[in-house]
Protein backbone atom coordinates (compact mmCIF):
# COMPACT_ATOMS: atom_id res chain seq x y z
CA MET A 1 35.42 6.49 2.65
CA VAL A 2 32.15 7.95 1.86
CA LEU A 3 31.07 7.82 -1.87
CA ARG A 4 28.24 10.10 -3.15
CA SER A 5 26.77 8.83 -6.36
CA SER A 6 23.09 10.24 -6.49
CA GLU A 7 20.99 13.35 -6.05
CA ILE A 8 18.63 11.41 -4.04
CA THR A 9 18.74 8.18 -2.13
CA ILE A 10 15.42 6.07 -1.30
CA ILE A 11 16.07 3.82 1.63
CA GLY A 12 13.59 1.09 0.96
CA GLY A 13 13.05 -1.22 -2.14
CA GLY A 14 9.35 -2.13 -1.80
CA ILE A 15 6.49 -0.71 -3.83
CA VAL A 16 6.50 2.75 -1.97
CA GLY A 17 10.22 3.15 -2.22
CA LEU A 18 10.17 2.06 -6.06
CA SER A 19 7.39 3.98 -6.97
CA THR A 20 8.72 7.32 -5.33
CA ALA A 21 12.01 6.52 -6.96
CA LEU A 22 10.40 6.08 -10.43
CA GLY A 23 8.61 9.43 -10.00
CA LEU A 24 11.91 11.24 -9.20
CA LEU A 25 13.94 9.60 -11.91
CA GLN A 26 11.26 10.67 -14.47
CA ALA A 27 11.55 14.10 -13.19
CA GLY A 28 15.09 14.26 -14.17
CA LEU A 29 16.98 13.33 -10.86
CA ARG A 30 19.84 10.71 -10.40
CA VAL A 31 18.36 8.29 -7.96
CA THR A 32 19.68 5.29 -6.01
CA VAL A 33 17.44 2.76 -4.29
CA LEU A 34 18.93 1.01 -1.15
CA ASP A 35 17.00 -2.28 -0.81
CA GLY A 36 17.31 -4.29 2.43
CA ALA A 37 18.22 -8.07 3.02
CA ASP A 38 16.03 -10.89 2.07
CA GLY A 39 15.11 -11.69 5.72
CA ASP A 40 13.57 -8.35 6.22
CA PHE A 41 9.93 -8.04 6.80
CA ARG A 42 8.23 -7.16 3.43
CA ALA A 43 5.05 -5.80 3.09
CA SER A 44 5.32 -5.59 -0.38
CA GLN A 45 5.54 -9.16 -0.98
CA GLY A 46 2.33 -10.17 1.16
CA ASN A 47 0.08 -7.70 -0.39
CA PHE A 48 -3.65 -8.37 -1.32
CA GLY A 49 -3.12 -6.19 -4.65
CA LEU A 50 -6.34 -3.93 -4.28
CA ILE A 51 -6.84 -0.46 -5.56
CA TRP A 52 -9.57 0.40 -3.18
CA LEU A 53 -11.39 3.69 -2.52
CA GLN A 54 -14.40 2.60 -0.50
CA GLY A 55 -14.26 3.58 2.99
CA LYS A 56 -11.06 5.35 2.66
CA GLY A 57 -10.91 8.45 4.62
CA ALA A 58 -14.48 8.64 5.82
CA ASP A 59 -13.13 10.13 8.95
CA PHE A 60 -10.48 12.05 7.25
CA ALA A 61 -11.22 14.17 4.16
CA PRO A 62 -7.77 14.70 2.74
CA TYR A 63 -7.04 10.99 2.89
CA ALA A 64 -10.24 10.41 0.91
CA ALA A 65 -9.51 13.02 -1.75
CA TRP A 66 -5.76 11.67 -2.06
CA THR A 67 -7.22 8.18 -2.42
CA ARG A 68 -9.68 9.35 -4.96
CA GLU A 69 -7.00 11.03 -7.00
CA ALA A 70 -4.82 7.88 -6.88
CA VAL A 71 -7.59 5.57 -7.98
CA ALA A 72 -8.37 7.89 -11.06
CA ARG A 73 -4.70 7.75 -12.12
CA TRP A 74 -4.21 4.04 -12.20
CA PRO A 75 -5.28 3.13 -15.56
CA GLU A 76 -2.92 5.44 -17.15
CA PHE A 77 -0.15 4.62 -14.62
CA ALA A 78 -0.67 0.67 -15.49
CA ARG A 79 -0.40 1.39 -19.16
CA ALA A 80 2.89 3.51 -18.91
CA LEU A 81 4.52 1.07 -16.56
CA GLN A 82 3.72 -1.62 -18.70
CA GLU A 83 5.38 0.12 -21.77
CA LEU A 84 8.57 0.65 -19.69
CA SER A 85 8.66 -2.69 -18.21
CA GLY A 86 6.95 -5.06 -20.51
CA VAL A 87 4.99 -6.44 -17.45
CA ASP A 88 1.48 -6.87 -17.51
CA LEU A 89 -0.06 -5.86 -14.08
CA ALA A 90 -3.34 -7.65 -14.73
CA LEU A 91 -5.26 -4.59 -13.85
CA GLN A 92 -8.97 -4.78 -13.54
CA GLN A 93 -10.98 -1.78 -12.17
CA SER A 94 -14.51 -2.68 -12.64
CA GLY A 95 -15.66 -2.29 -9.16
CA GLY A 96 -15.87 -4.14 -5.79
CA PHE A 97 -18.08 -5.18 -3.11
CA GLU A 98 -17.78 -5.42 0.61
CA PHE A 99 -20.06 -8.13 2.12
CA PHE A 100 -21.59 -8.23 5.52
CA THR A 101 -22.89 -10.91 7.50
CA ASP A 102 -23.80 -8.58 10.51
CA PRO A 103 -26.54 -5.94 10.23
CA ASP A 104 -25.10 -3.50 12.49
CA GLU A 105 -21.69 -3.68 10.75
CA PHE A 106 -23.56 -3.12 7.43
CA THR A 107 -25.32 -0.25 8.94
CA ALA A 108 -22.09 1.52 10.18
CA PHE A 109 -20.51 1.00 7.14
CA ALA A 110 -23.25 2.44 5.06
CA ARG A 111 -22.80 5.68 7.45
CA SER A 112 -19.17 5.71 6.71
CA LEU A 113 -19.57 5.85 2.88
CA ALA A 114 -22.11 8.37 3.34
CA GLN A 115 -19.56 10.37 5.13
CA GLN A 116 -16.99 9.58 2.37
CA GLN A 117 -19.62 10.96 -0.08
CA ALA A 118 -19.88 13.98 1.59
CA HIS A 119 -16.23 14.66 1.61
CA LEU A 120 -15.82 13.63 -2.38
CA GLY A 121 -19.13 14.77 -3.78
CA PRO A 122 -19.58 13.70 -7.31
CA ARG A 123 -16.23 12.19 -7.47
CA PHE A 124 -17.61 9.21 -5.54
CA ASN A 125 -20.58 6.92 -5.97
CA HIS A 126 -21.53 3.83 -4.22
CA GLU A 127 -24.39 1.49 -3.79
CA MET A 128 -25.77 -0.20 -0.59
CA ILE A 129 -27.40 -3.67 -1.68
CA ASP A 130 -29.68 -5.70 0.70
CA GLY A 131 -29.04 -9.31 0.84
CA ASP A 132 -32.16 -10.33 -1.06
CA THR A 133 -31.34 -7.89 -3.82
CA LEU A 134 -27.80 -9.06 -4.00
CA ARG A 135 -28.74 -12.78 -4.32
CA ARG A 136 -31.01 -11.82 -7.15
CA LEU A 137 -28.07 -10.02 -9.12
CA HIS A 138 -25.87 -12.94 -7.86
CA PRO A 139 -27.59 -16.04 -6.93
CA GLN A 140 -24.38 -17.84 -5.92
CA ILE A 141 -24.13 -15.51 -2.74
CA GLY A 142 -24.82 -17.30 0.51
CA PRO A 143 -28.11 -16.77 2.65
CA ASP A 144 -26.21 -15.37 5.72
CA VAL A 145 -24.72 -12.39 3.76
CA VAL A 146 -27.19 -9.60 4.89
CA GLY A 147 -25.97 -7.04 2.34
CA ALA A 148 -23.13 -5.55 0.46
CA SER A 149 -21.78 -2.04 -0.49
CA PHE A 150 -20.40 -1.47 -4.14
CA CYS A 151 -18.13 1.02 -5.72
CA PRO A 152 -17.71 1.19 -9.36
CA LEU A 153 -14.00 2.48 -8.92
CA ASP A 154 -12.43 -0.26 -7.02
CA GLY A 155 -10.27 -2.75 -8.47
CA HIS A 156 -7.28 -4.99 -8.07
CA ILE A 157 -3.71 -5.98 -9.72
CA ASN A 158 -1.14 -8.72 -9.44
CA PRO A 159 0.97 -7.08 -6.66
CA LEU A 160 4.08 -9.21 -7.30
CA ARG A 161 4.01 -7.99 -10.86
CA LEU A 162 3.82 -4.50 -9.96
CA LEU A 163 6.89 -4.85 -7.88
CA THR A 164 8.56 -6.56 -10.68
CA ALA A 165 7.45 -3.76 -13.32
CA LEU A 166 8.56 -0.88 -10.95
CA GLN A 167 12.13 -2.48 -10.59
CA ARG A 168 12.51 -3.13 -14.30
CA ALA A 169 11.14 0.29 -15.05
CA PHE A 170 13.56 1.96 -12.50
CA VAL A 171 16.52 0.26 -14.01
CA THR A 172 15.54 0.66 -17.69
CA LEU A 173 15.38 4.48 -17.11
CA GLY A 174 18.68 4.62 -15.48
CA GLY A 175 18.14 4.21 -11.76
CA GLU A 176 20.37 2.14 -9.66
CA ILE A 177 19.13 -0.29 -7.02
CA ARG A 178 21.70 -1.57 -4.40
CA THR A 179 20.47 -5.01 -2.82
CA GLY A 180 21.21 -6.22 0.63
CA ALA A 181 22.00 -2.69 1.70
CA GLN A 182 20.75 -2.23 5.18
CA VAL A 183 21.05 0.99 6.50
CA VAL A 184 21.54 1.33 10.27
CA GLU A 185 22.62 4.82 10.90
CA ILE A 186 22.00 8.16 9.34
CA ALA A 187 23.99 11.24 10.23
CA GLN A 188 24.56 14.69 8.74
CA ALA A 189 27.71 14.53 6.60
CA GLN A 190 30.50 17.35 6.88
CA GLY A 191 29.85 19.69 4.24
CA GLY A 192 26.33 18.87 3.63
CA GLY A 193 24.26 15.81 2.68
CA PHE A 194 24.06 12.63 4.72
CA ASP A 195 26.45 9.56 5.65
CA LEU A 196 24.53 6.29 5.67
CA ARG A 197 26.17 3.62 7.53
CA LEU A 198 25.37 -0.02 6.47
CA LYS A 199 25.05 -2.92 8.48
CA ASP A 200 27.95 -4.44 6.81
CA GLY A 201 30.13 -1.47 8.15
CA ALA A 202 30.36 0.47 4.73
CA HIS A 203 29.34 3.99 4.30
CA LEU A 204 27.39 5.75 1.58
CA GLY A 205 26.75 9.45 0.97
CA ALA A 206 23.57 11.05 -0.13
CA SER A 207 22.85 14.63 -1.03
CA ARG A 208 19.10 13.99 0.00
CA VAL A 209 17.27 10.88 1.44
CA VAL A 210 13.76 9.63 1.42
CA LEU A 211 12.97 7.12 3.98
CA CYS A 212 10.70 4.47 2.49
CA ALA A 213 11.52 1.50 4.50
CA GLY A 214 8.29 0.42 5.91
CA LEU A 215 8.49 -1.42 9.16
CA GLY A 216 12.36 -0.64 9.08
CA SER A 217 11.81 3.13 9.19
CA SER A 218 11.23 3.84 12.82
CA THR A 219 14.73 3.82 14.20
CA LEU A 220 16.01 5.91 11.20
CA ALA A 221 13.25 8.25 11.59
CA ALA A 222 14.03 8.96 15.01
CA GLN A 223 17.54 9.70 13.86
CA LEU A 224 16.34 12.13 11.38
CA GLY A 225 14.07 14.00 13.90
CA PHE A 226 10.84 12.35 12.69
CA ALA A 227 7.99 11.62 15.45
CA THR A 228 6.28 8.96 13.60
CA ARG A 229 6.57 5.24 14.60
CA VAL A 230 5.21 2.54 12.59
CA ASN A 231 3.79 -0.74 13.69
CA PRO A 232 3.16 -3.96 12.33
CA GLN A 233 -0.17 -5.30 11.85
CA ARG A 234 -0.49 -8.94 10.74
CA GLY A 235 -2.77 -10.11 8.03
CA GLU A 236 -3.41 -13.74 6.94
CA LEU A 237 -4.01 -14.80 3.58
CA LEU A 238 -5.18 -18.21 1.89
CA ILE A 239 -4.58 -19.01 -1.88
CA THR A 240 -6.75 -21.97 -3.38
CA GLU A 241 -6.00 -24.29 -6.11
CA LYS A 242 -6.09 -22.76 -9.79
CA LEU A 243 -9.75 -22.52 -11.06
CA GLY A 244 -11.41 -21.73 -14.24
CA PRO A 245 -13.64 -18.49 -14.24
CA ARG A 246 -15.32 -18.95 -10.77
CA LEU A 247 -15.55 -15.69 -9.15
CA CYS A 248 -18.39 -13.28 -10.35
CA PHE A 249 -17.20 -10.20 -8.16
CA LEU A 250 -14.17 -8.80 -6.65
CA SER A 251 -14.29 -8.04 -2.97
CA SER A 252 -11.90 -6.62 -0.22
CA THR A 253 -11.57 -10.03 1.29
CA ILE A 254 -12.00 -12.49 -1.83
CA ARG A 255 -10.63 -12.15 -5.11
CA GLN A 256 -9.62 -14.39 -8.10
CA VAL A 257 -6.14 -13.78 -9.21
CA ASP A 258 -5.09 -13.52 -12.73
CA GLU A 259 -3.28 -17.06 -12.52
CA GLY A 260 -6.65 -18.37 -11.70
CA GLY A 261 -6.45 -19.19 -7.60
CA LEU A 262 -8.62 -17.48 -5.12
CA GLN A 263 -7.02 -15.30 -2.58
CA ILE A 264 -9.04 -14.95 0.61
CA GLY A 265 -7.76 -12.40 3.35
CA GLY A 266 -8.93 -9.68 5.51
CA THR A 267 -7.67 -10.57 9.23
CA LYS A 268 -6.19 -7.85 11.28
CA ALA A 269 -3.92 -8.53 14.44
CA ASN A 270 -1.62 -6.41 16.45
CA VAL A 271 0.74 -8.90 17.55
CA GLY A 272 4.22 -7.21 17.01
CA PRO A 273 6.72 -8.46 14.35
CA ASP A 274 5.18 -11.98 14.07
CA ASP A 275 4.13 -12.91 10.79
CA ARG A 276 3.16 -16.59 11.38
CA GLU A 277 0.01 -17.84 10.12
CA THR A 278 -2.61 -19.26 12.88
CA LEU A 279 -4.85 -21.91 12.60
CA SER A 280 -7.74 -19.98 14.33
CA GLU A 281 -7.44 -17.15 11.67
CA ILE A 282 -7.08 -19.52 8.67
CA ASN A 283 -10.24 -21.36 9.87
CA ALA A 284 -12.07 -18.07 10.11
CA LEU A 285 -10.94 -17.08 6.61
CA ALA A 286 -12.12 -20.15 5.13
CA ARG A 287 -15.39 -19.93 6.94
CA HIS A 288 -15.95 -16.22 5.51
CA ALA A 289 -15.40 -17.31 2.08
CA VAL A 290 -17.90 -20.20 2.28
CA THR A 291 -20.41 -18.03 3.85
CA VAL A 292 -20.24 -15.44 1.18
CA LEU A 293 -19.84 -17.99 -1.70
CA PRO A 294 -21.00 -21.49 -0.50
CA ALA A 295 -19.73 -23.11 -3.63
CA LEU A 296 -16.16 -22.54 -2.66
CA ALA A 297 -16.63 -25.41 0.03
CA ASP A 298 -15.20 -27.82 -2.27
CA VAL A 299 -12.10 -25.70 -3.35
CA ARG A 300 -8.79 -26.77 -2.04
CA VAL A 301 -6.44 -24.23 -0.22
CA VAL A 302 -2.92 -24.99 -1.42
CA ARG A 303 -1.12 -22.17 0.43
CA ALA A 304 -1.59 -19.91 3.62
CA TRP A 305 0.93 -17.08 5.00
CA GLY A 306 0.86 -14.38 7.23
CA ALA A 307 2.18 -10.79 6.33
CA LEU A 308 2.82 -7.47 8.17
CA ARG A 309 1.02 -4.20 7.02
CA VAL A 310 2.77 -1.01 7.89
CA MET A 311 0.54 1.00 10.01
CA THR A 312 1.05 4.84 11.32
CA PRO A 313 -0.37 5.55 14.63
CA ASP A 314 -3.54 7.11 13.04
CA GLY A 315 -3.51 4.76 10.13
CA TYR A 316 -3.03 7.39 7.72
CA PRO A 317 0.02 8.15 5.26
CA VAL A 318 2.89 10.39 6.50
CA TYR A 319 4.63 12.61 3.87
CA ALA A 320 7.05 15.00 6.00
CA ARG A 321 10.19 16.95 5.56
CA SER A 322 12.62 16.72 8.55
CA PRO A 323 12.70 20.24 10.22
CA GLN A 324 16.08 19.33 12.02
CA HIS A 325 17.82 17.64 9.00
CA PRO A 326 16.87 19.63 5.50
CA GLY A 327 17.08 17.23 2.60
CA ALA A 328 15.52 14.23 4.66
CA TYR A 329 11.93 12.98 4.01
CA LEU A 330 9.84 10.33 5.45
CA VAL A 331 7.11 8.69 3.07
CA THR A 332 5.11 5.73 4.61
CA CYS A 333 1.65 4.27 4.31
CA HIS A 334 -0.17 0.85 4.39
CA SER A 335 -1.97 1.52 0.98
CA GLY A 336 1.21 1.31 -1.13
CA VAL A 337 -0.63 -0.30 -4.05
CA THR A 338 -3.38 2.16 -4.46
CA LEU A 339 -1.23 5.10 -3.92
CA ALA A 340 1.50 4.00 -6.06
CA SER A 341 0.13 6.15 -9.00
CA LEU A 342 0.57 9.27 -7.12
CA HIS A 343 4.02 8.28 -5.37
CA ALA A 344 5.19 7.81 -9.16
CA SER A 345 3.67 11.08 -10.10
CA LEU A 346 2.66 13.87 -7.75
CA LEU A 347 5.01 12.92 -5.11
CA ALA A 348 8.01 14.03 -6.96
CA ASP A 349 6.69 17.52 -7.32
CA TRP A 350 6.12 17.58 -3.42
CA ILE A 351 9.81 16.54 -2.82
CA GLU A 352 11.25 18.99 -5.27
CA ASN A 353 8.73 21.61 -4.03
CA THR A 354 7.86 22.66 -7.36
CA ALA A 355 4.91 24.86 -8.23
CA ALA A 356 2.89 21.94 -9.14
CA ALA A 357 3.29 20.25 -5.63
CA PRO A 358 0.51 18.76 -4.10
CA ASP A 359 -0.65 20.08 -0.62
CA LEU A 360 0.11 17.30 1.84
CA GLU A 361 0.09 19.31 4.89
CA ALA A 362 -2.63 17.21 6.41
CA PHE A 363 -0.34 14.20 6.40
CA ASP A 364 2.64 15.88 7.91
CA ASP A 365 4.55 14.03 10.78
CA HIS A 366 3.99 16.78 13.25
CA ARG A 367 0.35 15.61 14.06
CA PHE A 368 2.18 12.73 16.07
CA ALA A 369 4.65 15.35 17.88
CA LEU A 370 1.62 17.22 18.63
CA SER A 371 -0.36 14.41 19.98
CA ALA A 372 2.67 13.29 22.16
CA ALA A 373 2.93 16.82 23.54
CA ALA A 374 -0.60 16.74 24.52
């Protein structure tokens, strides 16, 4: 028997799915979130926790503008989410660095940020700092660092607390989360809406569905007529022992978490659905950290792991309505933390097609259908 219990069903209980669900719930809709199995690949549980603008959308102006709006909304979003959930996200948004040891990479990134500046105008500001100047500001920076970029808008949070806060806030406001609900098939239901078949053989009904299942989206996306196929990209991380205040900066590859440990990351490997850590990459991460900050050489690493990013073919988000199945939507991206402030607010207007809806045409799924046809 098919049961229909909500106006909108979100498939995917990670940061993207829960932030989207929270926004819809606050817009007055009845919302159910279907969360998969514990053994699923979960990008939200291996997230670095950055709220990051610099470099985003240098080659794609709509993404630069969308990310800038998300970063601006984060302080109010964090405050409201803490009030609803009682969870402190440990938000710090006082700027971040990108460090470089290769002069050519430093120069190339400067060109990218100049292009991003051209897209955003006065809404974006950054500095390019040469190595000697950087060491005068921060004497502990290593001699092999040739320079860094700095953006005062960048920041970070505790990503696991964000996930917990979204879950608590959603349930507090009356949303329903069904755990262990792995959707394996979606079909149009007689009389309207959708029939969702679960892995255990059960069926659920939904008036509308929003597919936010990350790496589990591709098969279901095809059933709903979407062209997007997401791919896994492995990133590896190190966590050090807990320290007192040790880090004088935040960077995209090294940050001190609120519990005291240092988190070191930044690798990218297209190796399919393989989230195992590798000794070569772990060694490279450790070398990078010590190159940037030599004083870290005596710090013990206590954990290492690999996690999979959710990557669309061009790396940019997808916000799409199915042309074949009205009432079905696809939402996927790899910047779920940064964009959470928008997914929990403006995205509800887009899904509901209100007068306040943002223009997300540039992120539509049809760009992949067109490229495949070409």
